[in-house]
PDB file of N, CA and C in Angstrom:
ATOM      1  N   MET A   1     136.282  84.017  62.989  1.00  0.00           N
ATOM      2  CA  MET A   1     134.988  83.374  63.041  1.00  0.00           C
ATOM      3  C   MET A   1     135.001  82.304  64.132  1.00  0.00           C
ATOM      4  N   LEU A   2     133.921  82.215  64.839  1.00  0.00           N
ATOM      5  CA  LEU A   2     133.827  81.232  65.916  1.00  0.00           C
ATOM      6  C   LEU A   2     133.475  79.860  65.362  1.00  0.00           C
ATOM      7  N   THR A   3     134.108  78.862  65.926  1.00  0.00           N
ATOM      8  CA  THR A   3     133.818  77.496  65.509  1.00  0.00           C
ATOM      9  C   THR A   3     132.700  76.940  66.382  1.00  0.00           C
ATOM     10  N   LYS A   4     132.231  75.785  65.968  1.00  0.00           N
ATOM     11  CA  LYS A   4     131.166  75.118  66.718  1.00  0.00           C
ATOM     12  C   LYS A   4     131.635  74.809  68.146  1.00  0.00           C
ATOM     13  N   ASN A   5     132.886  74.411  68.274  1.00  0.00           N
ATOM     14  CA  ASN A   5     133.468  74.116  69.581  1.00  0.00           C
ATOM     15  C   ASN A   5     133.517  75.376  70.450  1.00  0.00           C
ATOM     16  N   ASP A   6     133.879  76.510  69.856  1.00  0.00           N
ATOM     17  CA  ASP A   6     133.919  77.778  70.596  1.00  0.00           C
ATOM     18  C   ASP A   6     132.531  78.136  71.130  1.00  0.00           C
ATOM     19  N   LEU A   7     131.529  77.976  70.274  1.00  0.00           N
ATOM     20  CA  LEU A   7     130.156  78.294  70.683  1.00  0.00           C
ATOM     21  C   LEU A   7     129.692  77.382  71.823  1.00  0.00           C
ATOM     22  N   GLN A   8     130.058  76.103  71.751  1.00  0.00           N
ATOM     23  CA  GLN A   8     129.690  75.170  72.814  1.00  0.00           C
ATOM     24  C   GLN A   8     130.368  75.550  74.128  1.00  0.00           C
ATOM     25  N   GLN A   9     131.615  75.976  74.050  1.00  0.00           N
ATOM     26  CA  GLN A   9     132.325  76.400  75.257  1.00  0.00           C
ATOM     27  C   GLN A   9     131.675  77.651  75.851  1.00  0.00           C
ATOM     28  N   ILE A  10     131.282  78.570  74.987  1.00  0.00           N
ATOM     29  CA  ILE A  10     130.612  79.790  75.465  1.00  0.00           C
ATOM     30  C   ILE A  10     129.294  79.427  76.140  1.00  0.00           C
ATOM     31  N   ARG A  11     128.527  78.531  75.523  1.00  0.00           N
ATOM     32  CA  ARG A  11     127.265  78.080  76.128  1.00  0.00           C
ATOM     33  C   ARG A  11     127.515  77.451  77.503  1.00  0.00           C
ATOM     34  N   GLY A  12     128.572  76.648  77.581  1.00  0.00           N
ATOM     35  CA  GLY A  12     128.901  76.006  78.854  1.00  0.00           C
ATOM     36  C   GLY A  12     129.222  77.024  79.936  1.00  0.00           C
ATOM     37  N   VAL A  13     129.993  78.035  79.592  1.00  0.00           N
ATOM     38  CA  VAL A  13     130.352  79.078  80.557  1.00  0.00           C
ATOM     39  C   VAL A  13     129.102  79.840  80.995  1.00  0.00           C
ATOM     40  N   ILE A  14     128.249  80.156  80.045  1.00  0.00           N
ATOM     41  CA  ILE A  14     127.018  80.891  80.372  1.00  0.00           C
ATOM     42  C   ILE A  14     126.141  80.064  81.306  1.00  0.00           C
ATOM     43  N   LYS A  15     126.011  78.764  81.021  1.00  0.00           N
ATOM     44  CA  LYS A  15     125.208  77.897  81.889  1.00  0.00           C
ATOM     45  C   LYS A  15     125.788  77.843  83.302  1.00  0.00           C
ATOM     46  N   GLU A  16     127.117  77.750  83.393  1.00  0.00           N
ATOM     47  CA  GLU A  16     127.763  77.719  84.708  1.00  0.00           C
ATOM     48  C   GLU A  16     127.486  79.001  85.487  1.00  0.00           C
ATOM     49  N   GLU A  17     127.516  80.120  84.794  1.00  0.00           N
ATOM     50  CA  GLU A  17     127.284  81.412  85.450  1.00  0.00           C
ATOM     51  C   GLU A  17     125.815  81.590  85.829  1.00  0.00           C
ATOM     52  N   ASN A  18     124.922  80.997  85.059  1.00  0.00           N
ATOM     53  CA  ASN A  18     123.492  81.170  85.316  1.00  0.00           C
ATOM     54  C   ASN A  18     122.953  80.232  86.392  1.00  0.00           C
ATOM     55  N   ASN A  19     123.610  79.109  86.637  1.00  0.00           N
ATOM     56  CA  ASN A  19     123.111  78.143  87.618  1.00  0.00           C
ATOM     57  C   ASN A  19     122.903  78.749  89.004  1.00  0.00           C
ATOM     58  N   PRO A  20     123.876  79.473  89.561  1.00  0.00           N
ATOM     59  CA  PRO A  20     123.638  80.065  90.887  1.00  0.00           C
ATOM     60  C   PRO A  20     122.473  81.059  90.877  1.00  0.00           C
ATOM     61  N   MET A  21     122.344  81.811  89.787  1.00  0.00           N
ATOM     62  CA  MET A  21     121.240  82.772  89.705  1.00  0.00           C
ATOM     63  C   MET A  21     119.904  82.050  89.632  1.00  0.00           C
ATOM     64  N   GLN A  22     119.844  80.950  88.899  1.00  0.00           N
ATOM     65  CA  GLN A  22     118.603  80.194  88.796  1.00  0.00           C
ATOM     66  C   GLN A  22     118.203  79.625  90.154  1.00  0.00           C
ATOM     67  N   LYS A  23     119.175  79.115  90.899  1.00  0.00           N
ATOM     68  CA  LYS A  23     118.883  78.587  92.230  1.00  0.00           C
ATOM     69  C   LYS A  23     118.364  79.690  93.140  1.00  0.00           C
ATOM     70  N   GLU A  24     118.991  80.855  93.054  1.00  0.00           N
ATOM     71  CA  GLU A  24     118.574  81.997  93.872  1.00  0.00           C
ATOM     72  C   GLU A  24     117.164  82.444  93.483  1.00  0.00           C
ATOM     73  N   LEU A  25     116.877  82.464  92.202  1.00  0.00           N
ATOM     74  CA  LEU A  25     115.545  82.850  91.739  1.00  0.00           C
ATOM     75  C   LEU A  25     114.489  81.854  92.213  1.00  0.00           C
ATOM     76  N   LYS A  26     114.821  80.575  92.230  1.00  0.00           N
ATOM     77  CA  LYS A  26     113.879  79.571  92.724  1.00  0.00           C
ATOM     78  C   LYS A  26     113.575  79.813  94.198  1.00  0.00           C
ATOM     79  N   LYS A  27     114.619  80.133  94.982  1.00  0.00           N
ATOM     80  CA  LYS A  27     114.412  80.420  96.404  1.00  0.00           C
ATOM     81  C   LYS A  27     113.513  81.632  96.574  1.00  0.00           C
ATOM     82  N   HIS A  28     113.771  82.671  95.781  1.00  0.00           N
ATOM     83  CA  HIS A  28     112.958  83.883  95.870  1.00  0.00           C
ATOM     84  C   HIS A  28     111.517  83.599  95.447  1.00  0.00           C
ATOM     85  N   GLY A  29     111.350  82.760  94.439  1.00  0.00           N
ATOM     86  CA  GLY A  29     110.006  82.395  93.988  1.00  0.00           C
ATOM     87  C   GLY A  29     109.234  81.680  95.085  1.00  0.00           C
ATOM     88  N   LYS A  30     109.901  80.752  95.781  1.00  0.00           N
ATOM     89  CA  LYS A  30     109.249  80.043  96.883  1.00  0.00           C
ATOM     90  C   LYS A  30     108.866  81.015  97.992  1.00  0.00           C
ATOM     91  N   LEU A  31     109.770  81.941  98.293  1.00  0.00           N
ATOM     92  CA  LEU A  31     109.500  82.929  99.331  1.00  0.00           C
ATOM     93  C   LEU A  31     108.319  83.810  98.941  1.00  0.00           C
ATOM     94  N   LEU A  32     108.272  84.238  97.693  1.00  0.00           N
ATOM     95  CA  LEU A  32     107.165  85.075  97.227  1.00  0.00           C
ATOM     96  C   LEU A  32     105.837  84.328  97.294  1.00  0.00           C
ATOM     97  N   ARG A  33     105.833  83.056  96.912  1.00  0.00           N
ATOM     98  CA  ARG A  33     104.599  82.265  96.999  1.00  0.00           C
ATOM     99  C   ARG A  33     104.146  82.136  98.446  1.00  0.00           C
ATOM    100  N   SER A  34     105.094  81.933  99.340  1.00  0.00           N
ATOM    101  CA  SER A  34     104.771  81.830 100.762  1.00  0.00           C
ATOM    102  C   SER A  34     104.202  83.142 101.288  1.00  0.00           C
ATOM    103  N   LEU A  35     104.817  84.253 100.907  1.00  0.00           N
ATOM    104  CA  LEU A  35     104.327  85.563 101.343  1.00  0.00           C
ATOM    105  C   LEU A  35     102.937  85.843 100.787  1.00  0.00           C
ATOM    106  N   LYS A  36     102.708  85.465  99.541  1.00  0.00           N
ATOM    107  CA  LYS A  36     101.395  85.678  98.931  1.00  0.00           C
ATOM    108  C   LYS A  36     100.333  84.848  99.658  1.00  0.00           C
ATOM    109  N   LYS A  37     100.684  83.618 100.008  1.00  0.00           N
ATOM    110  CA  LYS A  37      99.748  82.763 100.736  1.00  0.00           C
ATOM    111  C   LYS A  37      99.426  83.381 102.097  1.00  0.00           C
ATOM    112  N   ASP A  38     100.454  83.858 102.796  1.00  0.00           N
ATOM    113  CA  ASP A  38     100.242  84.507 104.090  1.00  0.00           C
ATOM    114  C   ASP A  38      99.397  85.762 103.941  1.00  0.00           C
ATOM    115  N   GLN A  39      99.655  86.521 102.895  1.00  0.00           N
ATOM    116  CA  GLN A  39      98.894  87.746 102.646  1.00  0.00           C
ATOM    117  C   GLN A  39      97.423  87.410 102.396  1.00  0.00           C
ATOM    118  N   ASN A  40      97.168  86.394 101.589  1.00  0.00           N
ATOM    119  CA  ASN A  40      95.789  86.003 101.314  1.00  0.00           C
ATOM    120  C   ASN A  40      95.086  85.528 102.578  1.00  0.00           C
ATOM    121  N   THR A  41      95.803  84.818 103.428  1.00  0.00           N
ATOM    122  CA  THR A  41      95.233  84.366 104.697  1.00  0.00           C
ATOM    123  C   THR A  41      94.857  85.558 105.567  1.00  0.00           C
ATOM    124  N   MET A  42      95.757  86.521 105.662  1.00  0.00           N
ATOM    125  CA  MET A  42      95.492  87.711 106.482  1.00  0.00           C
ATOM    126  C   MET A  42      94.332  88.523 105.920  1.00  0.00           C
ATOM    127  N   LEU A  43      94.286  88.681 104.605  1.00  0.00           N
ATOM    128  CA  LEU A  43      93.188  89.429 103.996  1.00  0.00           C
ATOM    129  C   LEU A  43      91.854  88.734 104.242  1.00  0.00           C
ATOM    130  N   GLY A  44      91.853  87.418 104.173  1.00  0.00           N
ATOM    131  CA  GLY A  44      90.635  86.666 104.460  1.00  0.00           C
ATOM    132  C   GLY A  44      90.179  86.870 105.894  1.00  0.00           C
ATOM    133  N   MET A  45      91.133  86.849 106.821  1.00  0.00           N
ATOM    134  CA  MET A  45      90.795  87.059 108.235  1.00  0.00           C
ATOM    135  C   MET A  45      90.256  88.468 108.455  1.00  0.00           C
ATOM    136  N   LEU A  46      90.900  89.458 107.836  1.00  0.00           N
ATOM    137  CA  LEU A  46      90.459  90.842 107.998  1.00  0.00           C
ATOM    138  C   LEU A  46      89.080  91.055 107.386  1.00  0.00           C
ATOM    139  N   ASP A  47      88.826  90.433 106.237  1.00  0.00           N
ATOM    140  CA  ASP A  47      87.522  90.557 105.593  1.00  0.00           C
ATOM    141  C   ASP A  47      86.435  89.948 106.473  1.00  0.00           C
ATOM    142  N   LYS A  48      86.730  88.791 107.047  1.00  0.00           N
ATOM    143  CA  LYS A  48      85.768  88.132 107.934  1.00  0.00           C
ATOM    144  C   LYS A  48      85.494  89.009 109.152  1.00  0.00           C
ATOM    145  N   GLU A  49      86.546  89.573 109.724  1.00  0.00           N
ATOM    146  CA  GLU A  49      86.398  90.443 110.897  1.00  0.00           C
ATOM    147  C   GLU A  49      85.576  91.682 110.548  1.00  0.00           C
ATOM    148  N   GLN A  50      85.831  92.254 109.380  1.00  0.00           N
ATOM    149  CA  GLN A  50      85.084  93.441 108.959  1.00  0.00           C
ATOM    150  C   GLN A  50      83.599  93.112 108.797  1.00  0.00           C
ATOM    151  N   MET A  51      83.298  91.969 108.217  1.00  0.00           N
ATOM    152  CA  MET A  51      81.895  91.581 108.044  1.00  0.00           C
ATOM    153  C   MET A  51      81.219  91.382 109.399  1.00  0.00           C
ATOM    154  N   GLN A  52      81.928  90.796 110.344  1.00  0.00           N
ATOM    155  CA  GLN A  52      81.367  90.612 111.682  1.00  0.00           C
ATOM    156  C   GLN A  52      81.096  91.959 112.339  1.00  0.00           C
ATOM    157  N   GLN A  53      82.007  92.902 112.165  1.00  0.00           N
ATOM    158  CA  GLN A  53      81.822  94.233 112.751  1.00  0.00           C
ATOM    159  C   GLN A  53      80.648  94.959 112.099  1.00  0.00           C
ATOM    160  N   ARG A  54      80.481  94.801 110.801  1.00  0.00           N
ATOM    161  CA  ARG A  54      79.342  95.428 110.118  1.00  0.00           C
ATOM    162  C   ARG A  54      78.023  94.861 110.627  1.00  0.00           C
ATOM    163  N   LYS A  55      77.969  93.546 110.785  1.00  0.00           N
ATOM    164  CA  LYS A  55      76.747  92.916 111.301  1.00  0.00           C
ATOM    165  C   LYS A  55      76.458  93.410 112.714  1.00  0.00           C
ATOM    166  N   ARG A  56      77.500  93.517 113.506  1.00  0.00           N
ATOM    167  CA  ARG A  56      77.328  93.981 114.883  1.00  0.00           C
ATOM    168  C   ARG A  56      76.824  95.425 114.900  1.00  0.00           C
ATOM    169  N   LEU A  57      77.414  96.280 114.078  1.00  0.00           N
ATOM    170  CA  LEU A  57      76.982  97.672 113.996  1.00  0.00           C
ATOM    171  C   LEU A  57      75.534  97.754 113.539  1.00  0.00           C
ATOM    172  N   LYS A  58      75.153  96.928 112.574  1.00  0.00           N
ATOM    173  CA  LYS A  58      73.769  96.919 112.083  1.00  0.00           C
ATOM    174  C   LYS A  58      72.815  96.543 113.207  1.00  0.00           C
ATOM    175  N   ARG A  59      73.171  95.547 114.001  1.00  0.00           N
ATOM    176  CA  ARG A  59      72.312  95.149 115.126  1.00  0.00           C
ATOM    177  C   ARG A  59      72.179  96.281 116.138  1.00  0.00           C
ATOM    178  N   VAL A  60      73.284  96.968 116.420  1.00  0.00           N
ATOM    179  CA  VAL A  60      73.245  98.089 117.372  1.00  0.00           C
ATOM    180  C   VAL A  60      72.365  99.205 116.822  1.00  0.00           C
ATOM    181  N   GLU A  61      72.543  99.527 115.529  1.00  0.00           N
ATOM    182  CA  GLU A  61      71.717 100.572 114.912  1.00  0.00           C
ATOM    183  C   GLU A  61      70.240 100.198 114.969  1.00  0.00           C
ATOM    184  N   ASP A  62      69.941  98.939 114.627  1.00  0.00           N
ATOM    185  CA  ASP A  62      68.542  98.493 114.662  1.00  0.00           C
ATOM    186  C   ASP A  62      67.983  98.544 116.077  1.00  0.00           C
ATOM    187  N   ASN A  63      68.775  98.128 117.039  1.00  0.00           N
ATOM    188  CA  ASN A  63      68.327  98.088 118.431  1.00  0.00           C
ATOM    189  C   ASN A  63      68.077  99.491 118.981  1.00  0.00           C
ATOM    190  N   LEU A  64      68.906 100.455 118.576  1.00  0.00           N
ATOM    191  CA  LEU A  64      68.760 101.825 119.063  1.00  0.00           C
ATOM    192  C   LEU A  64      67.856 102.666 118.168  1.00  0.00           C
ATOM    193  N   GLY A  65      67.420 102.097 117.056  1.00  0.00           N
ATOM    194  CA  GLY A  65      66.550 102.831 116.147  1.00  0.00           C
ATOM    195  C   GLY A  65      67.276 103.923 115.386  1.00  0.00           C
ATOM    196  N   LEU A  66      68.547 103.726 115.124  1.00  0.00           N
ATOM    197  CA  LEU A  66      69.345 104.718 114.403  1.00  0.00           C
ATOM    198  C   LEU A  66      69.328 104.427 112.902  1.00  0.00           C
ATOM    199  N   ALA A  67      69.446 105.491 112.121  1.00  0.00           N
ATOM    200  CA  ALA A  67      69.561 105.320 110.675  1.00  0.00           C
ATOM    201  C   ALA A  67      70.963 104.804 110.359  1.00  0.00           C
ATOM    202  N   PRO A  68      71.077 103.952 109.341  1.00  0.00           N
ATOM    203  CA  PRO A  68      72.410 103.445 108.975  1.00  0.00           C
ATOM    204  C   PRO A  68      73.342 104.577 108.563  1.00  0.00           C
ATOM    205  N   ILE A  69      74.607 104.456 108.934  1.00  0.00           N
ATOM    206  CA  ILE A  69      75.605 105.475 108.604  1.00  0.00           C
ATOM    207  C   ILE A  69      75.965 105.394 107.127  1.00  0.00           C
ATOM    208  N   SER A  70      76.133 104.193 106.633  1.00  0.00           N
ATOM    209  CA  SER A  70      76.586 104.061 105.245  1.00  0.00           C
ATOM    210  C   SER A  70      75.473 103.743 104.298  1.00  0.00           C
TER     211      SER A  70
END
């Protein structure tokens, strides 16, 4: 049967082994947040560009008297 001291030693070993993994996970979490922020920025830029292109196409269609494609 394990004693209270044995259990505390096991907990200590587990914590020691988990510390490097926790640090690595924190780094990965920061990287993922950064990538998500960059992705959202790019999607916003692409959405804005798409809206500008749609407006431009609409003006061209109106100017040439063409029926809308979509």
